[in-house]
Protein backbone atom coordinates (compact mmCIF):
# COMPACT_ATOMS: atom_id res chain seq x y z
CA UNK A 1 -0.01 0.00 0.01
CA UNK A 2 1.28 3.47 -0.89
CA UNK A 3 2.14 5.95 1.85
CA UNK A 4 0.90 9.53 1.89
CA UNK A 5 2.91 12.27 3.52
CA UNK A 6 2.04 15.85 4.51
CA UNK A 7 4.86 18.11 5.66
CA UNK A 8 3.82 21.43 7.17
CA UNK A 9 6.48 24.11 7.55
CA UNK A 10 6.19 27.36 9.53
CA UNK A 11 4.45 30.34 7.96
CA UNK A 12 7.87 31.98 7.54
CA UNK A 13 8.72 29.43 4.81
CA UNK A 14 7.96 30.85 1.35
CA UNK A 15 7.85 29.80 -2.29
CA UNK A 16 11.34 31.28 -2.66
CA UNK A 17 12.53 28.94 0.11
CA UNK A 18 10.86 26.00 -1.63
CA UNK A 19 12.63 26.91 -4.89
CA UNK A 20 15.98 27.31 -3.06
CA UNK A 21 15.66 23.80 -1.64
CA UNK A 22 14.68 22.42 -5.04
CA UNK A 23 17.78 23.98 -6.61
CA UNK A 24 19.86 21.74 -4.30
CA UNK A 25 18.08 18.53 -5.42
CA UNK A 26 19.26 16.34 -8.31
CA UNK A 27 15.99 16.91 -10.28
CA UNK A 28 13.68 19.74 -11.29
CA UNK A 29 10.61 19.60 -9.04
CA UNK A 30 8.71 21.99 -11.33
CA UNK A 31 9.17 19.86 -14.45
CA UNK A 32 7.45 16.71 -15.67
CA UNK A 33 10.52 16.07 -17.83
CA UNK A 34 12.81 15.02 -15.00
CA UNK A 35 14.01 11.89 -13.20
CA UNK A 36 12.04 11.88 -9.97
CA UNK A 37 13.33 10.19 -6.80
CA UNK A 38 12.82 6.45 -6.78
CA UNK A 39 9.50 5.61 -5.15
CA UNK A 40 7.90 9.07 -5.42
CA UNK A 41 4.47 8.74 -7.03
CA UNK A 42 3.06 12.25 -6.58
CA UNK A 43 4.20 15.65 -5.30
CA UNK A 44 2.38 18.93 -4.64
CA UNK A 45 3.37 22.01 -2.62
CA UNK A 46 2.01 25.40 -1.78
CA UNK A 47 1.17 27.98 0.85
CA UNK A 48 -1.64 27.71 3.38
CA UNK A 49 -2.85 29.82 6.30
CA UNK A 50 -0.82 27.58 8.63
CA UNK A 51 2.42 27.60 6.60
CA UNK A 52 4.06 25.98 3.57
CA UNK A 53 2.67 22.50 2.81
CA UNK A 54 4.18 19.62 0.86
CA UNK A 55 1.91 16.69 -0.03
CA UNK A 56 3.46 13.52 -1.47
CA UNK A 57 2.60 9.94 -2.21
CA UNK A 58 5.39 7.39 -1.94
CA UNK A 59 5.59 3.69 -2.78
CA UNK A 60 6.70 3.22 0.85
CA UNK A 61 7.92 5.09 3.92
CA UNK A 62 11.31 3.49 3.37
CA UNK A 63 11.55 5.09 -0.11
CA UNK A 64 10.86 8.51 1.38
CA UNK A 65 13.33 7.90 4.23
CA UNK A 66 16.07 7.17 1.69
CA UNK A 67 15.26 10.37 -0.20
CA UNK A 68 15.19 12.36 3.04
CA UNK A 69 18.55 11.00 4.15
CA UNK A 70 20.37 11.33 0.81
CA UNK A 71 18.80 14.39 -0.81
CA UNK A 72 16.05 16.38 0.91
CA UNK A 73 17.54 16.51 4.42
CA UNK A 74 20.89 17.90 3.19
CA UNK A 75 19.07 20.36 0.88
CA UNK A 76 16.89 21.65 3.75
CA UNK A 77 20.02 22.05 5.90
CA UNK A 78 21.97 23.81 3.17
CA UNK A 79 19.19 26.40 2.76
CA UNK A 80 18.76 26.71 6.52
CA UNK A 81 15.08 25.88 6.69
CA UNK A 82 13.52 24.83 9.99
CA UNK A 83 12.17 21.34 10.54
CA UNK A 84 8.52 20.83 9.62
CA UNK A 85 6.13 21.81 12.38
CA UNK A 86 3.93 18.84 11.51
CA UNK A 87 4.57 15.52 9.74
CA UNK A 88 1.55 13.36 8.94
CA UNK A 89 1.70 9.91 7.37
CA UNK A 90 -1.35 8.03 6.13
CA UNK A 91 -2.14 4.88 4.19
CA UNK A 92 -3.30 5.72 0.66
CA UNK A 93 -6.40 3.67 -0.12
CA UNK A 94 -7.32 5.62 -3.26
CA UNK A 95 -5.45 7.92 -5.61
CA UNK A 96 -6.82 9.28 -8.89
CA UNK A 97 -5.66 11.85 -11.43
CA UNK A 98 -8.80 12.82 -13.33
CA UNK A 99 -8.45 13.56 -17.02
């Protein structure tokens, strides 16, 4: 079963911060024409009233943990972003992309 992940960052995190982190990653998060991390099935990000949100669906928690250790964690540290204020995992029982 796929694993859903919601990362909520403080309201001080902005789209510019998101882009700065993505510049440190070995793929272009704003492009469909890229080699995505192994195990990542879906990615979305944007601002909310509570802060910057990242929503992802992974083949497994282990796949995301590998990405966090090898790529995302170092990128977050390099940019100096704070840890997420909330991390929520859930089992994905249905995922659709209409159209």
